[in-house]
N, C-alpha and C. Protein backbone atom coordinates (compact mmCIF):
# COMPACT_ATOMS: atom_id res chain seq x y z
N MET A 1 13.78 -24.28 -9.39
CA MET A 1 13.81 -22.84 -9.66
C MET A 1 15.16 -22.24 -9.33
N LEU A 2 15.74 -22.63 -8.18
CA LEU A 2 17.01 -22.05 -7.77
C LEU A 2 18.11 -22.34 -8.78
N LYS A 3 18.12 -23.57 -9.32
CA LYS A 3 19.17 -23.96 -10.26
C LYS A 3 19.18 -23.08 -11.48
N ILE A 4 18.02 -22.84 -12.07
CA ILE A 4 17.98 -22.02 -13.29
C ILE A 4 18.21 -20.55 -12.97
N LEU A 5 17.76 -20.09 -11.82
CA LEU A 5 18.02 -18.69 -11.47
C LEU A 5 19.52 -18.45 -11.28
N MET A 6 20.25 -19.49 -10.88
CA MET A 6 21.69 -19.34 -10.77
C MET A 6 22.35 -19.16 -12.13
N LYS A 7 21.66 -19.62 -13.18
CA LYS A 7 22.17 -19.43 -14.55
C LYS A 7 21.80 -18.05 -15.11
N ALA A 8 20.95 -17.33 -14.39
CA ALA A 8 20.43 -16.07 -14.91
C ALA A 8 21.52 -15.08 -15.31
N PRO A 9 22.59 -14.89 -14.52
CA PRO A 9 23.60 -13.92 -14.96
C PRO A 9 24.17 -14.21 -16.35
N ARG A 10 24.44 -15.49 -16.63
CA ARG A 10 24.96 -15.85 -17.95
C ARG A 10 23.92 -15.61 -19.05
N LEU A 11 22.66 -15.96 -18.78
CA LEU A 11 21.61 -15.78 -19.78
C LEU A 11 21.30 -14.31 -20.04
N LEU A 12 21.34 -13.51 -18.98
CA LEU A 12 20.87 -12.14 -19.07
C LEU A 12 21.94 -11.13 -19.46
N ALA A 13 23.20 -11.46 -19.30
CA ALA A 13 24.27 -10.50 -19.62
C ALA A 13 24.20 -10.03 -21.07
N PRO A 14 24.04 -10.94 -22.06
CA PRO A 14 23.93 -10.45 -23.45
C PRO A 14 22.69 -9.58 -23.67
N VAL A 15 21.60 -9.92 -22.99
CA VAL A 15 20.37 -9.13 -23.13
C VAL A 15 20.57 -7.72 -22.58
N ALA A 16 21.24 -7.61 -21.46
CA ALA A 16 21.52 -6.29 -20.87
C ALA A 16 22.36 -5.45 -21.82
N ARG A 17 23.34 -6.07 -22.48
CA ARG A 17 24.16 -5.32 -23.43
C ARG A 17 23.35 -4.85 -24.62
N ILE A 18 22.45 -5.70 -25.11
CA ILE A 18 21.59 -5.31 -26.24
C ILE A 18 20.75 -4.09 -25.88
N TYR A 19 20.15 -4.10 -24.70
CA TYR A 19 19.31 -2.98 -24.30
C TYR A 19 20.13 -1.72 -24.04
N GLY A 20 21.34 -1.88 -23.51
CA GLY A 20 22.19 -0.72 -23.30
C GLY A 20 22.53 -0.04 -24.61
N ARG A 21 22.86 -0.83 -25.63
CA ARG A 21 23.17 -0.26 -26.95
C ARG A 21 21.94 0.39 -27.56
N ARG A 22 20.79 -0.27 -27.41
CA ARG A 22 19.56 0.26 -28.00
C ARG A 22 19.18 1.60 -27.37
N LEU A 23 19.33 1.71 -26.06
CA LEU A 23 19.04 2.97 -25.38
C LEU A 23 19.96 4.07 -25.89
N ASP A 24 21.22 3.75 -26.10
CA ASP A 24 22.18 4.73 -26.61
C ASP A 24 21.79 5.18 -28.02
N GLU A 25 21.26 4.26 -28.82
CA GLU A 25 20.88 4.58 -30.20
C GLU A 25 19.58 5.37 -30.29
N CYS A 26 18.59 4.98 -29.50
CA CYS A 26 17.22 5.50 -29.67
C CYS A 26 16.75 6.38 -28.52
N GLY A 27 17.49 6.39 -27.40
CA GLY A 27 17.08 7.19 -26.26
C GLY A 27 15.93 6.58 -25.49
N ALA A 28 15.43 7.32 -24.51
CA ALA A 28 14.34 6.85 -23.66
C ALA A 28 13.01 7.00 -24.39
N THR A 29 12.78 6.10 -25.33
CA THR A 29 11.59 6.10 -26.17
C THR A 29 11.10 4.67 -26.31
N ALA A 30 9.90 4.50 -26.88
CA ALA A 30 9.38 3.16 -27.11
C ALA A 30 10.34 2.34 -27.97
N LYS A 31 10.91 2.94 -28.99
CA LYS A 31 11.87 2.22 -29.83
C LYS A 31 13.13 1.88 -29.06
N GLY A 32 13.43 2.63 -28.01
CA GLY A 32 14.60 2.35 -27.19
C GLY A 32 14.49 1.06 -26.39
N VAL A 33 13.27 0.49 -26.31
CA VAL A 33 13.08 -0.82 -25.68
C VAL A 33 12.42 -1.80 -26.67
N PHE A 34 12.61 -1.51 -27.96
CA PHE A 34 12.23 -2.42 -29.04
C PHE A 34 10.72 -2.53 -29.28
N TRP A 35 9.90 -1.60 -28.75
CA TRP A 35 8.50 -1.59 -29.16
C TRP A 35 8.39 -0.93 -30.53
N LYS A 36 7.36 -1.29 -31.29
CA LYS A 36 7.17 -0.75 -32.63
C LYS A 36 7.04 0.77 -32.59
N ASP A 37 6.21 1.27 -31.69
CA ASP A 37 6.04 2.71 -31.53
C ASP A 37 5.33 2.97 -30.20
N GLU A 38 5.16 4.24 -29.86
CA GLU A 38 4.56 4.59 -28.57
C GLU A 38 3.10 4.16 -28.49
N ALA A 39 2.38 4.23 -29.60
CA ALA A 39 0.96 3.86 -29.59
C ALA A 39 0.78 2.40 -29.18
N TRP A 40 1.61 1.50 -29.72
CA TRP A 40 1.51 0.09 -29.35
C TRP A 40 1.99 -0.14 -27.93
N GLN A 41 2.95 0.65 -27.50
CA GLN A 41 3.41 0.56 -26.11
C GLN A 41 2.27 0.93 -25.16
N ILE A 42 1.56 2.02 -25.46
CA ILE A 42 0.45 2.45 -24.61
C ILE A 42 -0.67 1.42 -24.59
N LYS A 43 -0.95 0.79 -25.71
CA LYS A 43 -1.97 -0.26 -25.74
C LYS A 43 -1.65 -1.37 -24.74
N ARG A 44 -0.37 -1.72 -24.67
CA ARG A 44 0.03 -2.76 -23.72
C ARG A 44 -0.14 -2.27 -22.28
N PHE A 45 0.23 -1.04 -22.02
CA PHE A 45 0.09 -0.49 -20.68
C PHE A 45 -1.38 -0.43 -20.27
N GLU A 46 -2.24 -0.04 -21.22
CA GLU A 46 -3.67 0.03 -20.91
C GLU A 46 -4.21 -1.35 -20.52
N ARG A 47 -3.76 -2.38 -21.23
CA ARG A 47 -4.18 -3.73 -20.87
C ARG A 47 -3.65 -4.11 -19.49
N MET A 48 -2.39 -3.84 -19.24
CA MET A 48 -1.80 -4.16 -17.94
C MET A 48 -2.61 -3.54 -16.80
N ALA A 49 -2.99 -2.28 -16.98
CA ALA A 49 -3.67 -1.54 -15.91
C ALA A 49 -5.06 -2.09 -15.62
N GLU A 50 -5.61 -2.90 -16.52
CA GLU A 50 -6.93 -3.48 -16.28
C GLU A 50 -6.95 -4.46 -15.13
N ILE A 51 -5.79 -4.90 -14.69
CA ILE A 51 -5.75 -5.88 -13.60
C ILE A 51 -6.03 -5.25 -12.24
N PHE A 52 -5.88 -3.93 -12.11
CA PHE A 52 -6.15 -3.28 -10.83
C PHE A 52 -7.61 -3.44 -10.43
N ASP A 53 -7.85 -3.72 -9.17
CA ASP A 53 -9.21 -3.74 -8.66
C ASP A 53 -9.82 -2.34 -8.76
N THR A 54 -11.15 -2.30 -8.88
CA THR A 54 -11.85 -1.02 -9.04
C THR A 54 -11.54 -0.06 -7.91
N ASP A 55 -11.54 -0.54 -6.68
CA ASP A 55 -11.25 0.33 -5.54
C ASP A 55 -9.84 0.91 -5.63
N ASP A 56 -8.89 0.10 -6.06
CA ASP A 56 -7.50 0.57 -6.16
C ASP A 56 -7.34 1.62 -7.26
N LEU A 57 -8.15 1.52 -8.29
CA LEU A 57 -8.07 2.52 -9.37
C LEU A 57 -8.45 3.91 -8.87
N GLN A 58 -9.17 3.97 -7.76
CA GLN A 58 -9.57 5.25 -7.18
C GLN A 58 -8.54 5.79 -6.20
N GLY A 59 -7.48 5.02 -5.96
CA GLY A 59 -6.44 5.45 -5.03
C GLY A 59 -6.57 4.75 -3.70
N GLY A 60 -5.70 5.07 -2.79
CA GLY A 60 -5.75 4.46 -1.47
C GLY A 60 -4.45 3.79 -1.10
N GLY A 61 -3.63 3.52 -2.10
CA GLY A 61 -2.29 3.06 -1.78
C GLY A 61 -2.04 1.59 -1.99
N VAL A 62 -1.28 1.24 -3.02
CA VAL A 62 -0.84 -0.12 -3.26
C VAL A 62 0.66 -0.09 -3.52
N VAL A 63 1.27 -1.26 -3.48
CA VAL A 63 2.68 -1.40 -3.84
C VAL A 63 2.75 -2.13 -5.17
N ILE A 64 3.57 -1.60 -6.09
CA ILE A 64 3.67 -2.12 -7.46
C ILE A 64 5.10 -2.53 -7.75
N ASN A 65 5.27 -3.74 -8.29
CA ASN A 65 6.55 -4.17 -8.86
C ASN A 65 6.45 -4.15 -10.37
N ASP A 66 7.37 -3.46 -11.02
CA ASP A 66 7.46 -3.44 -12.48
C ASP A 66 8.78 -4.11 -12.85
N PHE A 67 8.68 -5.39 -13.21
CA PHE A 67 9.87 -6.20 -13.45
C PHE A 67 10.26 -6.12 -14.92
N GLY A 68 11.43 -5.53 -15.18
CA GLY A 68 11.83 -5.23 -16.55
C GLY A 68 11.29 -3.87 -16.95
N CYS A 69 11.59 -2.88 -16.14
CA CYS A 69 10.95 -1.56 -16.27
C CYS A 69 11.52 -0.71 -17.40
N GLY A 70 12.67 -1.12 -17.98
CA GLY A 70 13.25 -0.29 -19.03
C GLY A 70 13.59 1.09 -18.53
N TYR A 71 13.19 2.11 -19.30
CA TYR A 71 13.49 3.49 -18.91
C TYR A 71 12.40 4.11 -18.04
N GLY A 72 11.45 3.28 -17.56
CA GLY A 72 10.43 3.77 -16.63
C GLY A 72 9.13 4.21 -17.27
N ALA A 73 8.85 3.75 -18.48
CA ALA A 73 7.67 4.22 -19.22
C ALA A 73 6.36 3.84 -18.54
N PHE A 74 6.31 2.67 -17.89
CA PHE A 74 5.06 2.28 -17.24
C PHE A 74 4.78 3.19 -16.04
N PHE A 75 5.83 3.61 -15.34
CA PHE A 75 5.59 4.58 -14.26
C PHE A 75 5.09 5.90 -14.84
N ASP A 76 5.66 6.34 -15.96
CA ASP A 76 5.15 7.55 -16.62
C ASP A 76 3.66 7.42 -16.90
N PHE A 77 3.25 6.25 -17.37
CA PHE A 77 1.84 5.99 -17.69
C PHE A 77 0.96 6.06 -16.45
N LEU A 78 1.46 5.54 -15.33
CA LEU A 78 0.65 5.47 -14.11
C LEU A 78 0.70 6.74 -13.26
N ALA A 79 1.75 7.52 -13.39
CA ALA A 79 2.09 8.56 -12.40
C ALA A 79 0.94 9.51 -12.07
N ALA A 80 0.23 9.97 -13.07
CA ALA A 80 -0.83 10.96 -12.85
C ALA A 80 -2.20 10.33 -12.62
N ARG A 81 -2.29 9.02 -12.63
CA ARG A 81 -3.56 8.34 -12.45
C ARG A 81 -3.86 8.13 -10.96
N PRO A 82 -5.16 8.09 -10.59
CA PRO A 82 -5.52 7.97 -9.18
C PRO A 82 -4.94 6.74 -8.50
N VAL A 83 -4.69 5.67 -9.26
CA VAL A 83 -4.15 4.45 -8.65
C VAL A 83 -2.83 4.69 -7.95
N MET A 84 -2.09 5.74 -8.33
CA MET A 84 -0.81 6.03 -7.71
C MET A 84 -0.94 6.92 -6.48
N ASN A 85 -2.15 7.35 -6.14
CA ASN A 85 -2.33 8.16 -4.93
C ASN A 85 -2.01 7.32 -3.70
N GLY A 86 -0.98 7.70 -2.97
CA GLY A 86 -0.58 6.96 -1.79
C GLY A 86 0.12 5.64 -2.08
N SER A 87 0.48 5.40 -3.33
CA SER A 87 1.07 4.14 -3.72
C SER A 87 2.60 4.24 -3.85
N ARG A 88 3.23 3.08 -3.91
CA ARG A 88 4.67 3.00 -4.14
C ARG A 88 4.95 2.09 -5.32
N TYR A 89 5.99 2.43 -6.05
CA TYR A 89 6.34 1.71 -7.28
C TYR A 89 7.81 1.34 -7.22
N PHE A 90 8.12 0.06 -7.53
CA PHE A 90 9.49 -0.41 -7.63
C PHE A 90 9.74 -0.89 -9.05
N GLY A 91 10.70 -0.28 -9.72
CA GLY A 91 11.07 -0.69 -11.07
C GLY A 91 12.39 -1.44 -11.04
N TYR A 92 12.42 -2.59 -11.70
CA TYR A 92 13.62 -3.43 -11.74
C TYR A 92 14.07 -3.61 -13.18
N ASP A 93 15.36 -3.58 -13.39
CA ASP A 93 15.89 -3.89 -14.72
C ASP A 93 17.31 -4.44 -14.58
N ILE A 94 17.71 -5.26 -15.57
CA ILE A 94 19.06 -5.82 -15.56
C ILE A 94 20.07 -4.89 -16.20
N SER A 95 19.58 -3.89 -16.94
CA SER A 95 20.46 -2.98 -17.67
C SER A 95 20.85 -1.78 -16.80
N GLN A 96 22.14 -1.63 -16.58
CA GLN A 96 22.62 -0.47 -15.81
C GLN A 96 22.24 0.82 -16.49
N GLU A 97 22.30 0.84 -17.83
CA GLU A 97 21.97 2.06 -18.58
C GLU A 97 20.49 2.41 -18.43
N MET A 98 19.62 1.39 -18.43
CA MET A 98 18.19 1.66 -18.27
C MET A 98 17.89 2.21 -16.88
N ILE A 99 18.47 1.63 -15.85
CA ILE A 99 18.23 2.12 -14.50
C ILE A 99 18.77 3.54 -14.34
N ALA A 100 19.92 3.83 -14.94
CA ALA A 100 20.46 5.19 -14.89
C ALA A 100 19.51 6.17 -15.58
N ALA A 101 18.91 5.75 -16.70
CA ALA A 101 17.96 6.61 -17.40
C ALA A 101 16.73 6.87 -16.53
N CYS A 102 16.24 5.83 -15.85
CA CYS A 102 15.10 6.01 -14.94
C CYS A 102 15.41 7.03 -13.86
N ARG A 103 16.55 6.87 -13.23
CA ARG A 103 16.91 7.76 -12.11
C ARG A 103 17.16 9.18 -12.57
N ASP A 104 17.66 9.34 -13.79
CA ASP A 104 17.87 10.69 -14.33
C ASP A 104 16.55 11.36 -14.68
N ARG A 105 15.60 10.58 -15.21
CA ARG A 105 14.36 11.15 -15.71
C ARG A 105 13.31 11.34 -14.62
N ILE A 106 13.27 10.40 -13.66
CA ILE A 106 12.14 10.33 -12.73
C ILE A 106 12.63 10.57 -11.31
N THR A 107 12.18 11.66 -10.73
CA THR A 107 12.56 11.99 -9.34
C THR A 107 11.37 11.90 -8.39
N ASP A 108 10.24 11.42 -8.88
CA ASP A 108 9.05 11.25 -8.06
C ASP A 108 9.38 10.35 -6.87
N PRO A 109 9.10 10.80 -5.64
CA PRO A 109 9.46 9.99 -4.46
C PRO A 109 8.68 8.70 -4.33
N ARG A 110 7.61 8.54 -5.08
CA ARG A 110 6.85 7.29 -5.03
C ARG A 110 7.56 6.16 -5.77
N ALA A 111 8.55 6.49 -6.59
CA ALA A 111 9.21 5.51 -7.44
C ALA A 111 10.65 5.25 -6.99
N LYS A 112 11.03 3.99 -7.03
CA LYS A 112 12.41 3.59 -6.74
C LYS A 112 12.84 2.59 -7.80
N PHE A 113 14.04 2.78 -8.34
CA PHE A 113 14.53 1.95 -9.44
C PHE A 113 15.76 1.17 -9.00
N LEU A 114 15.74 -0.15 -9.28
CA LEU A 114 16.76 -1.06 -8.78
C LEU A 114 17.31 -1.91 -9.92
N ARG A 115 18.62 -2.04 -9.97
CA ARG A 115 19.23 -2.95 -10.93
C ARG A 115 19.29 -4.34 -10.29
N LYS A 116 18.35 -5.19 -10.67
CA LYS A 116 18.23 -6.52 -10.07
C LYS A 116 17.81 -7.53 -11.13
N MET A 117 18.13 -8.79 -10.88
CA MET A 117 17.71 -9.88 -11.77
C MET A 117 16.40 -10.50 -11.33
N TRP A 118 15.90 -10.11 -10.15
CA TRP A 118 14.61 -10.59 -9.67
C TRP A 118 14.04 -9.57 -8.69
N ALA A 119 12.75 -9.67 -8.46
CA ALA A 119 12.08 -8.72 -7.57
C ALA A 119 12.50 -8.97 -6.13
N THR A 120 12.69 -7.90 -5.37
CA THR A 120 13.11 -8.04 -3.97
C THR A 120 12.07 -7.51 -2.99
N GLU A 121 11.09 -6.74 -3.48
CA GLU A 121 10.10 -6.13 -2.59
C GLU A 121 8.75 -6.82 -2.72
N PRO A 122 8.09 -7.16 -1.60
CA PRO A 122 6.71 -7.66 -1.68
C PRO A 122 5.81 -6.56 -2.25
N ALA A 123 4.90 -6.96 -3.13
CA ALA A 123 4.02 -5.98 -3.77
C ALA A 123 2.60 -6.52 -3.86
N ASP A 124 1.64 -5.60 -3.95
CA ASP A 124 0.26 -6.00 -4.19
C ASP A 124 0.07 -6.45 -5.63
N TYR A 125 0.66 -5.70 -6.56
CA TYR A 125 0.56 -5.99 -7.99
C TYR A 125 1.95 -6.06 -8.59
N SER A 126 2.15 -7.04 -9.46
CA SER A 126 3.40 -7.14 -10.19
C SER A 126 3.13 -7.16 -11.69
N PHE A 127 4.07 -6.59 -12.45
CA PHE A 127 3.93 -6.49 -13.90
C PHE A 127 5.25 -6.88 -14.57
N ALA A 128 5.13 -7.54 -15.71
CA ALA A 128 6.29 -7.84 -16.55
C ALA A 128 5.83 -7.64 -17.99
N CYS A 129 6.06 -6.45 -18.50
CA CYS A 129 5.55 -6.06 -19.82
C CYS A 129 6.69 -6.11 -20.83
N GLY A 130 6.70 -7.14 -21.66
CA GLY A 130 7.75 -7.30 -22.65
C GLY A 130 9.06 -7.81 -22.08
N THR A 131 9.07 -8.13 -20.82
CA THR A 131 10.30 -8.46 -20.09
C THR A 131 11.01 -9.68 -20.65
N TYR A 132 10.26 -10.67 -21.11
CA TYR A 132 10.85 -11.94 -21.50
C TYR A 132 10.98 -12.10 -23.01
N ASN A 133 10.75 -11.03 -23.77
CA ASN A 133 10.74 -11.16 -25.23
C ASN A 133 12.13 -11.27 -25.83
N MET A 134 13.08 -10.51 -25.32
CA MET A 134 14.43 -10.48 -25.88
C MET A 134 15.28 -11.54 -25.20
N HIS A 135 15.71 -12.54 -25.95
CA HIS A 135 16.57 -13.57 -25.35
C HIS A 135 17.92 -13.67 -26.05
N GLY A 136 18.18 -12.78 -27.01
CA GLY A 136 19.47 -12.80 -27.68
C GLY A 136 19.67 -14.13 -28.39
N ARG A 137 20.78 -14.77 -28.08
CA ARG A 137 21.08 -16.07 -28.70
C ARG A 137 20.98 -17.21 -27.68
N ALA A 138 20.20 -17.02 -26.66
CA ALA A 138 20.06 -18.06 -25.65
C ALA A 138 19.37 -19.30 -26.23
N ASP A 139 19.71 -20.44 -25.69
CA ASP A 139 19.02 -21.66 -26.05
C ASP A 139 17.54 -21.54 -25.68
N ALA A 140 16.66 -21.89 -26.61
CA ALA A 140 15.23 -21.68 -26.40
C ALA A 140 14.70 -22.46 -25.20
N ARG A 141 15.15 -23.70 -25.04
CA ARG A 141 14.69 -24.50 -23.90
C ARG A 141 15.15 -23.88 -22.59
N GLU A 142 16.41 -23.45 -22.55
CA GLU A 142 16.95 -22.86 -21.33
C GLU A 142 16.26 -21.53 -21.02
N TRP A 143 15.95 -20.78 -22.08
CA TRP A 143 15.28 -19.50 -21.86
C TRP A 143 13.89 -19.70 -21.26
N MET A 144 13.16 -20.69 -21.76
CA MET A 144 11.82 -20.93 -21.22
C MET A 144 11.91 -21.39 -19.78
N GLU A 145 12.91 -22.18 -19.44
CA GLU A 145 13.10 -22.57 -18.05
C GLU A 145 13.36 -21.34 -17.18
N TYR A 146 14.14 -20.40 -17.72
CA TYR A 146 14.39 -19.16 -16.98
C TYR A 146 13.08 -18.37 -16.80
N VAL A 147 12.30 -18.25 -17.87
CA VAL A 147 11.04 -17.51 -17.79
C VAL A 147 10.14 -18.10 -16.70
N GLU A 148 10.00 -19.41 -16.69
CA GLU A 148 9.15 -20.06 -15.70
C GLU A 148 9.67 -19.83 -14.28
N ALA A 149 10.99 -19.96 -14.10
CA ALA A 149 11.56 -19.73 -12.77
C ALA A 149 11.40 -18.28 -12.35
N SER A 150 11.58 -17.37 -13.29
CA SER A 150 11.43 -15.94 -12.97
C SER A 150 9.99 -15.61 -12.59
N LEU A 151 9.03 -16.18 -13.32
CA LEU A 151 7.63 -15.94 -12.98
C LEU A 151 7.28 -16.51 -11.61
N GLU A 152 7.81 -17.68 -11.30
CA GLU A 152 7.59 -18.24 -9.97
C GLU A 152 8.12 -17.31 -8.89
N GLN A 153 9.32 -16.78 -9.11
CA GLN A 153 9.93 -15.88 -8.12
C GLN A 153 9.12 -14.60 -8.00
N LEU A 154 8.70 -14.04 -9.14
CA LEU A 154 7.91 -12.80 -9.12
C LEU A 154 6.56 -13.04 -8.43
N TRP A 155 5.94 -14.18 -8.70
CA TRP A 155 4.68 -14.53 -8.06
C TRP A 155 4.83 -14.64 -6.54
N SER A 156 5.98 -15.14 -6.10
CA SER A 156 6.22 -15.28 -4.67
C SER A 156 6.30 -13.93 -3.97
N LYS A 157 6.55 -12.87 -4.72
CA LYS A 157 6.61 -11.52 -4.18
C LYS A 157 5.31 -10.75 -4.39
N THR A 158 4.29 -11.43 -4.91
CA THR A 158 3.05 -10.78 -5.30
C THR A 158 1.91 -11.19 -4.38
N ARG A 159 1.30 -10.22 -3.72
CA ARG A 159 0.23 -10.52 -2.77
C ARG A 159 -1.13 -10.70 -3.43
N ARG A 160 -1.37 -10.01 -4.54
CA ARG A 160 -2.72 -10.01 -5.09
C ARG A 160 -2.82 -10.42 -6.55
N ALA A 161 -2.04 -9.80 -7.44
CA ALA A 161 -2.21 -10.10 -8.86
C ALA A 161 -0.94 -9.80 -9.65
N LEU A 162 -0.77 -10.58 -10.70
CA LEU A 162 0.38 -10.45 -11.60
C LEU A 162 -0.12 -10.37 -13.03
N ALA A 163 0.40 -9.41 -13.80
CA ALA A 163 0.10 -9.29 -15.22
C ALA A 163 1.41 -9.34 -16.00
N PHE A 164 1.43 -10.17 -17.04
CA PHE A 164 2.61 -10.20 -17.90
C PHE A 164 2.20 -10.56 -19.32
N ASN A 165 3.07 -10.24 -20.27
CA ASN A 165 2.80 -10.60 -21.65
C ASN A 165 4.05 -11.18 -22.30
N MET A 166 3.82 -11.96 -23.35
CA MET A 166 4.89 -12.54 -24.15
C MET A 166 4.45 -12.61 -25.60
N LEU A 167 5.39 -12.87 -26.49
CA LEU A 167 5.10 -12.98 -27.91
C LEU A 167 4.59 -14.39 -28.22
N ARG A 168 3.55 -14.49 -29.05
CA ARG A 168 2.97 -15.78 -29.43
C ARG A 168 3.81 -16.48 -30.50
N ASP A 169 3.89 -17.80 -30.41
CA ASP A 169 4.71 -18.52 -31.39
C ASP A 169 4.01 -18.74 -32.72
N ASP A 170 2.73 -18.36 -32.84
CA ASP A 170 2.06 -18.45 -34.14
C ASP A 170 2.09 -17.12 -34.90
N GLU A 171 2.84 -16.14 -34.38
CA GLU A 171 2.99 -14.87 -35.07
C GLU A 171 3.74 -15.09 -36.38
N PRO A 172 3.16 -14.68 -37.52
CA PRO A 172 3.81 -14.98 -38.82
C PRO A 172 5.12 -14.23 -39.04
N GLU A 173 5.25 -13.04 -38.47
CA GLU A 173 6.47 -12.25 -38.66
C GLU A 173 7.31 -12.33 -37.38
N GLN A 174 8.36 -13.14 -37.41
CA GLN A 174 9.19 -13.35 -36.23
C GLN A 174 10.61 -12.87 -36.51
N TYR A 175 11.29 -12.42 -35.45
CA TYR A 175 12.60 -11.80 -35.59
C TYR A 175 13.63 -12.57 -34.78
N GLN A 176 14.80 -12.68 -35.33
CA GLN A 176 15.90 -13.35 -34.65
C GLN A 176 16.24 -12.61 -33.35
N GLY A 177 16.47 -13.37 -32.31
CA GLY A 177 16.82 -12.77 -31.02
C GLY A 177 15.64 -12.57 -30.10
N LEU A 178 14.40 -12.71 -30.63
CA LEU A 178 13.20 -12.61 -29.80
C LEU A 178 12.67 -14.00 -29.51
N TYR A 179 11.99 -14.12 -28.38
CA TYR A 179 11.45 -15.42 -27.97
C TYR A 179 9.94 -15.42 -28.15
N TYR A 180 9.44 -16.46 -28.82
CA TYR A 180 8.01 -16.61 -29.09
C TYR A 180 7.53 -17.87 -28.36
N VAL A 181 6.53 -17.70 -27.50
CA VAL A 181 6.13 -18.77 -26.60
C VAL A 181 4.90 -19.51 -27.11
N ASP A 182 4.79 -20.77 -26.76
CA ASP A 182 3.59 -21.57 -26.99
C ASP A 182 2.57 -21.20 -25.91
N PRO A 183 1.47 -20.52 -26.26
CA PRO A 183 0.51 -20.09 -25.24
C PRO A 183 -0.05 -21.22 -24.40
N ASP A 184 -0.27 -22.39 -24.99
CA ASP A 184 -0.82 -23.52 -24.23
C ASP A 184 0.17 -24.00 -23.17
N ARG A 185 1.45 -24.07 -23.54
CA ARG A 185 2.45 -24.47 -22.54
C ARG A 185 2.48 -23.47 -21.39
N LEU A 186 2.42 -22.19 -21.73
CA LEU A 186 2.47 -21.17 -20.70
C LEU A 186 1.24 -21.22 -19.80
N ARG A 187 0.08 -21.48 -20.41
CA ARG A 187 -1.15 -21.60 -19.62
C ARG A 187 -1.06 -22.77 -18.65
N ARG A 188 -0.56 -23.91 -19.13
CA ARG A 188 -0.43 -25.08 -18.26
C ARG A 188 0.53 -24.81 -17.11
N PHE A 189 1.63 -24.15 -17.42
CA PHE A 189 2.59 -23.82 -16.37
C PHE A 189 1.94 -22.94 -15.30
N CYS A 190 1.27 -21.89 -15.73
CA CYS A 190 0.65 -20.96 -14.77
C CYS A 190 -0.40 -21.67 -13.93
N ALA A 191 -1.21 -22.50 -14.58
CA ALA A 191 -2.31 -23.16 -13.87
C ALA A 191 -1.82 -24.19 -12.86
N THR A 192 -0.70 -24.86 -13.15
CA THR A 192 -0.22 -25.92 -12.27
C THR A 192 0.79 -25.42 -11.24
N LYS A 193 1.60 -24.43 -11.60
CA LYS A 193 2.68 -23.99 -10.72
C LYS A 193 2.36 -22.70 -9.95
N LEU A 194 1.46 -21.88 -10.50
CA LEU A 194 1.19 -20.58 -9.88
C LEU A 194 -0.23 -20.51 -9.35
N THR A 195 -1.22 -20.39 -10.22
CA THR A 195 -2.61 -20.31 -9.78
C THR A 195 -3.53 -20.70 -10.92
N ALA A 196 -4.66 -21.32 -10.58
CA ALA A 196 -5.68 -21.62 -11.58
C ALA A 196 -6.57 -20.41 -11.85
N ASN A 197 -6.43 -19.36 -11.04
CA ASN A 197 -7.23 -18.16 -11.19
C ASN A 197 -6.54 -17.24 -12.19
N LEU A 198 -6.75 -17.51 -13.47
CA LEU A 198 -6.05 -16.73 -14.50
C LEU A 198 -6.97 -16.39 -15.66
N GLU A 199 -6.61 -15.29 -16.32
CA GLU A 199 -7.26 -14.85 -17.55
C GLU A 199 -6.19 -14.71 -18.62
N ILE A 200 -6.58 -15.00 -19.87
CA ILE A 200 -5.64 -14.93 -20.98
C ILE A 200 -6.27 -14.09 -22.09
N PHE A 201 -5.48 -13.17 -22.65
CA PHE A 201 -5.96 -12.27 -23.69
C PHE A 201 -5.07 -12.39 -24.93
N ASP A 202 -5.69 -12.71 -26.05
CA ASP A 202 -4.99 -12.69 -27.33
C ASP A 202 -5.07 -11.25 -27.86
N GLU A 203 -3.92 -10.64 -28.07
CA GLU A 203 -3.88 -9.20 -28.33
C GLU A 203 -3.82 -8.82 -29.81
N ARG A 204 -4.17 -9.74 -30.72
CA ARG A 204 -4.10 -9.40 -32.14
C ARG A 204 -4.84 -8.10 -32.44
N PRO A 205 -4.29 -7.22 -33.28
CA PRO A 205 -3.17 -7.42 -34.19
C PRO A 205 -1.78 -7.31 -33.56
N LEU A 206 -1.69 -6.97 -32.27
CA LEU A 206 -0.39 -7.05 -31.61
C LEU A 206 0.04 -8.52 -31.56
N PRO A 207 1.33 -8.79 -31.53
CA PRO A 207 1.82 -10.17 -31.53
C PRO A 207 1.85 -10.82 -30.15
N ASP A 208 1.21 -10.19 -29.17
CA ASP A 208 1.33 -10.61 -27.78
C ASP A 208 0.19 -11.51 -27.33
N ILE A 209 0.46 -12.20 -26.25
CA ILE A 209 -0.56 -12.82 -25.41
C ILE A 209 -0.33 -12.33 -23.99
N THR A 210 -1.42 -11.95 -23.31
CA THR A 210 -1.33 -11.37 -21.97
C THR A 210 -1.98 -12.31 -20.97
N PHE A 211 -1.32 -12.45 -19.81
CA PHE A 211 -1.83 -13.29 -18.73
C PHE A 211 -2.09 -12.43 -17.51
N PHE A 212 -3.26 -12.62 -16.89
CA PHE A 212 -3.59 -12.04 -15.59
C PHE A 212 -3.70 -13.20 -14.60
N LEU A 213 -2.93 -13.14 -13.54
CA LEU A 213 -2.97 -14.14 -12.47
C LEU A 213 -3.41 -13.46 -11.18
N ARG A 214 -4.35 -14.07 -10.47
CA ARG A 214 -4.84 -13.50 -9.23
C ARG A 214 -4.80 -14.53 -8.09
N ARG A 215 -4.57 -14.05 -6.89
CA ARG A 215 -4.60 -14.93 -5.72
C ARG A 215 -6.03 -15.38 -5.43
């Protein structure tokens, strides 16, 4: 894991530039982070939020890591919901422009935004929504090694549950610069390296597959 994480700056620098340009073009919107539209973005957030335990949905205070937070849209989604009562949220992104947009838009004291290549705060719940989709021109094998190492690192900072999604490799409409994963390979990795306590959701007609991992 350490070896591939040391390669992360080289792999992620082009991705950070792509997102910085996109934010400049489209602003702090769903299209600004390459989602089709806000409706599909919200569908993904609604699925992510299903991982919270019932008691936590009523409030009481949890710590949340949002790895690859973009302009902070997932915090916007959660902010007024009971799950954020007494809770803390840490948003991480590799793009300086995205973190600047978060800090300009969101002054809620429950949220803190950090420009980091990996999570630094222990959390009850961790999320990576669309985080690994954009790989630019990275070598596919090397990118998957990075994804696996990043998930291991994020899991190590997660006390209770992790939710993430990626694009399926059987999606008929694929775009250059995006990474499409073999769901079976990803399932095997999660089950052997992270936890056997997992759920998998095929999100058709969305092109995603979502994983829930629990301790």
